[in-house]
Amino acid sequence: MKTILLLFASNVFMTFAWYGHLKFKNVPLWQAIMVSWLIAFVEYCLQVPANRYGHGVYNAAQLKTMQEVITLVVFCAFSVLYLKEPLRWNYLVGFGFIALAVFFVFKKF
């Protein structure tokens, strides 16, 4: 559970680092980059322990898959709530295919 919580927290910071500046296009690019790097530093401080704690419970492929799904969940909320962009049906279909990939990565065959 600690791994999943850390991954969620790190993805919130990552999403703001990568996309938060889109609401501030009047800010010079170099400043947006510097602020994004500062935010990304916090993301790394959460992501690295998440992977370190999680490895052994999950293998690397499972950790990466989990991280990608969490990224999509966080990004969907971010884009709707912060960027005020609609979540379209075709995005959900695409995310559904990713969920299918999760099934195959975590399934023991």
C-alpha atoms as a PDB file:
ATOM      1  CA  MET A   1       0.000   0.000   0.000  1.00  0.00           C
ATOM      2  CA  LYS A   2       2.914   2.342   0.760  1.00  0.00           C
ATOM      3  CA  THR A   3       4.177   1.902  -2.799  1.00  0.00           C
ATOM      4  CA  ILE A   4       0.809   2.786  -4.328  1.00  0.00           C
ATOM      5  CA  LEU A   5       0.363   5.881  -2.141  1.00  0.00           C
ATOM      6  CA  LEU A   6       3.865   7.096  -2.963  1.00  0.00           C
ATOM      7  CA  LEU A   7       3.226   6.500  -6.672  1.00  0.00           C
ATOM      8  CA  PHE A   8       0.002   8.514  -6.508  1.00  0.00           C
ATOM      9  CA  ALA A   9       1.720  11.381  -4.678  1.00  0.00           C
ATOM     10  CA  SER A  10       4.678  11.383  -7.060  1.00  0.00           C
ATOM     11  CA  ASN A  11       2.350  11.419 -10.058  1.00  0.00           C
ATOM     12  CA  VAL A  12       0.483  14.451  -8.759  1.00  0.00           C
ATOM     13  CA  PHE A  13       3.794  16.338  -8.618  1.00  0.00           C
ATOM     14  CA  MET A  14       4.900  14.931 -11.978  1.00  0.00           C
ATOM     15  CA  THR A  15       1.673  16.008 -13.650  1.00  0.00           C
ATOM     16  CA  PHE A  16       1.966  19.538 -12.293  1.00  0.00           C
ATOM     17  CA  ALA A  17       5.631  19.673 -13.325  1.00  0.00           C
ATOM     18  CA  TRP A  18       4.879  18.557 -16.873  1.00  0.00           C
ATOM     19  CA  TYR A  19       1.538  20.235 -17.535  1.00  0.00           C
ATOM     20  CA  GLY A  20       0.847  22.859 -14.836  1.00  0.00           C
ATOM     21  CA  HIS A  21       2.676  25.568 -16.760  1.00  0.00           C
ATOM     22  CA  LEU A  22       0.159  25.316 -19.628  1.00  0.00           C
ATOM     23  CA  LYS A  23      -2.108  27.711 -17.729  1.00  0.00           C
ATOM     24  CA  PHE A  24       0.737  30.250 -17.540  1.00  0.00           C
ATOM     25  CA  LYS A  25       1.835  30.698 -21.136  1.00  0.00           C
ATOM     26  CA  ASN A  26       2.678  34.346 -20.423  1.00  0.00           C
ATOM     27  CA  VAL A  27       5.532  33.218 -18.132  1.00  0.00           C
ATOM     28  CA  PRO A  28       8.878  32.995 -19.957  1.00  0.00           C
ATOM     29  CA  LEU A  29       9.774  29.447 -20.943  1.00  0.00           C
ATOM     30  CA  TRP A  30      12.984  29.384 -18.909  1.00  0.00           C
ATOM     31  CA  GLN A  31      11.006  30.213 -15.750  1.00  0.00           C
ATOM     32  CA  ALA A  32       8.451  27.509 -16.502  1.00  0.00           C
ATOM     33  CA  ILE A  33      11.322  25.038 -16.924  1.00  0.00           C
ATOM     34  CA  MET A  34      12.932  26.043 -13.630  1.00  0.00           C
ATOM     35  CA  VAL A  35       9.680  25.794 -11.672  1.00  0.00           C
ATOM     36  CA  SER A  36       8.923  22.459 -13.358  1.00  0.00           C
ATOM     37  CA  TRP A  37      12.348  21.138 -12.337  1.00  0.00           C
ATOM     38  CA  LEU A  38      11.736  22.149  -8.722  1.00  0.00           C
ATOM     39  CA  ILE A  39       8.381  20.378  -8.731  1.00  0.00           C
ATOM     40  CA  ALA A  40       9.921  17.354 -10.457  1.00  0.00           C
ATOM     41  CA  PHE A  41      12.534  17.129  -7.706  1.00  0.00           C
ATOM     42  CA  VAL A  42       9.748  16.465  -5.200  1.00  0.00           C
ATOM     43  CA  GLU A  43       8.304  13.912  -7.612  1.00  0.00           C
ATOM     44  CA  TYR A  44      11.619  12.065  -7.710  1.00  0.00           C
ATOM     45  CA  CYS A  45      11.847  12.132  -3.923  1.00  0.00           C
ATOM     46  CA  LEU A  46       8.582  10.177  -3.870  1.00  0.00           C
ATOM     47  CA  GLN A  47       9.027   8.015  -6.980  1.00  0.00           C
ATOM     48  CA  VAL A  48      12.402   6.541  -6.066  1.00  0.00           C
ATOM     49  CA  PRO A  49      11.270   5.289  -2.633  1.00  0.00           C
ATOM     50  CA  ALA A  50       8.030   3.973  -4.170  1.00  0.00           C
ATOM     51  CA  ASN A  51      10.005   1.809  -6.565  1.00  0.00           C
ATOM     52  CA  ARG A  52      12.534   0.821  -3.929  1.00  0.00           C
ATOM     53  CA  TYR A  53       9.835  -0.268  -1.446  1.00  0.00           C
ATOM     54  CA  GLY A  54       7.718  -1.886  -4.125  1.00  0.00           C
ATOM     55  CA  HIS A  55      10.422  -3.932  -5.814  1.00  0.00           C
ATOM     56  CA  GLY A  56      10.322  -7.400  -4.346  1.00  0.00           C
ATOM     57  CA  VAL A  57       6.594  -7.189  -3.747  1.00  0.00           C
ATOM     58  CA  TYR A  58       6.159  -6.389  -7.444  1.00  0.00           C
ATOM     59  CA  ASN A  59       8.578  -6.973 -10.290  1.00  0.00           C
ATOM     60  CA  ALA A  60       9.862  -4.071 -12.392  1.00  0.00           C
ATOM     61  CA  ALA A  61       7.305  -4.607 -15.175  1.00  0.00           C
ATOM     62  CA  GLN A  62       4.470  -4.573 -12.654  1.00  0.00           C
ATOM     63  CA  LEU A  63       5.811  -1.419 -10.995  1.00  0.00           C
ATOM     64  CA  LYS A  64       6.035   0.338 -14.356  1.00  0.00           C
ATOM     65  CA  THR A  65       2.554  -0.784 -15.378  1.00  0.00           C
ATOM     66  CA  MET A  66       1.124   0.366 -12.057  1.00  0.00           C
ATOM     67  CA  GLN A  67       2.861   3.717 -12.448  1.00  0.00           C
ATOM     68  CA  GLU A  68       1.406   4.223 -15.926  1.00  0.00           C
ATOM     69  CA  VAL A  69      -2.145   3.474 -14.810  1.00  0.00           C
ATOM     70  CA  ILE A  70      -1.782   5.812 -11.835  1.00  0.00           C
ATOM     71  CA  THR A  71      -0.395   8.452 -14.206  1.00  0.00           C
ATOM     72  CA  LEU A  72      -3.499   8.175 -16.380  1.00  0.00           C
ATOM     73  CA  VAL A  73      -5.862   8.406 -13.413  1.00  0.00           C
ATOM     74  CA  VAL A  74      -4.067  11.457 -12.028  1.00  0.00           C
ATOM     75  CA  PHE A  75      -3.835  13.046 -15.479  1.00  0.00           C
ATOM     76  CA  CYS A  76      -7.557  12.568 -16.162  1.00  0.00           C
ATOM     77  CA  ALA A  77      -8.441  14.335 -12.925  1.00  0.00           C
ATOM     78  CA  PHE A  78      -5.844  17.041 -13.581  1.00  0.00           C
ATOM     79  CA  SER A  79      -6.961  17.754 -17.135  1.00  0.00           C
ATOM     80  CA  VAL A  80     -10.634  17.987 -16.161  1.00  0.00           C
ATOM     81  CA  LEU A  81     -10.249  19.867 -12.865  1.00  0.00           C
ATOM     82  CA  TYR A  82      -7.185  22.048 -13.480  1.00  0.00           C
ATOM     83  CA  LEU A  83      -6.970  22.526 -17.232  1.00  0.00           C
ATOM     84  CA  LYS A  84     -10.771  22.419 -17.697  1.00  0.00           C
ATOM     85  CA  GLU A  85     -10.452  20.061 -20.668  1.00  0.00           C
ATOM     86  CA  PRO A  86     -13.163  17.496 -21.365  1.00  0.00           C
ATOM     87  CA  LEU A  87     -12.603  13.787 -20.896  1.00  0.00           C
ATOM     88  CA  ARG A  88     -13.829  12.298 -24.157  1.00  0.00           C
ATOM     89  CA  TRP A  89     -15.209   8.824 -24.726  1.00  0.00           C
ATOM     90  CA  ASN A  90     -12.375   7.812 -27.045  1.00  0.00           C
ATOM     91  CA  TYR A  91      -9.832   8.616 -24.320  1.00  0.00           C
ATOM     92  CA  LEU A  92     -11.688   6.258 -22.009  1.00  0.00           C
ATOM     93  CA  VAL A  93     -11.674   3.523 -24.663  1.00  0.00           C
ATOM     94  CA  GLY A  94      -7.913   3.935 -25.048  1.00  0.00           C
ATOM     95  CA  PHE A  95      -7.449   3.825 -21.279  1.00  0.00           C
ATOM     96  CA  GLY A  96      -9.583   0.686 -21.249  1.00  0.00           C
ATOM     97  CA  PHE A  97      -7.087  -0.976 -23.569  1.00  0.00           C
ATOM     98  CA  ILE A  98      -4.333   0.016 -21.167  1.00  0.00           C
ATOM     99  CA  ALA A  99      -6.347  -1.589 -18.358  1.00  0.00           C
ATOM    100  CA  LEU A 100      -6.422  -4.751 -20.465  1.00  0.00           C
ATOM    101  CA  ALA A 101      -2.635  -4.569 -20.668  1.00  0.00           C
ATOM    102  CA  VAL A 102      -2.537  -4.366 -16.862  1.00  0.00           C
ATOM    103  CA  PHE A 103      -4.485  -7.609 -16.709  1.00  0.00           C
ATOM    104  CA  PHE A 104      -1.883  -9.381 -18.830  1.00  0.00           C
ATOM    105  CA  VAL A 105       1.095  -7.942 -16.940  1.00  0.00           C
ATOM    106  CA  PHE A 106      -0.277  -8.976 -13.532  1.00  0.00           C
ATOM    107  CA  LYS A 107      -1.807 -12.316 -14.576  1.00  0.00           C
ATOM    108  CA  LYS A 108       0.213 -15.377 -13.626  1.00  0.00           C
ATOM    109  CA  PHE A 109       0.288 -17.667 -16.677  1.00  0.00           C
END
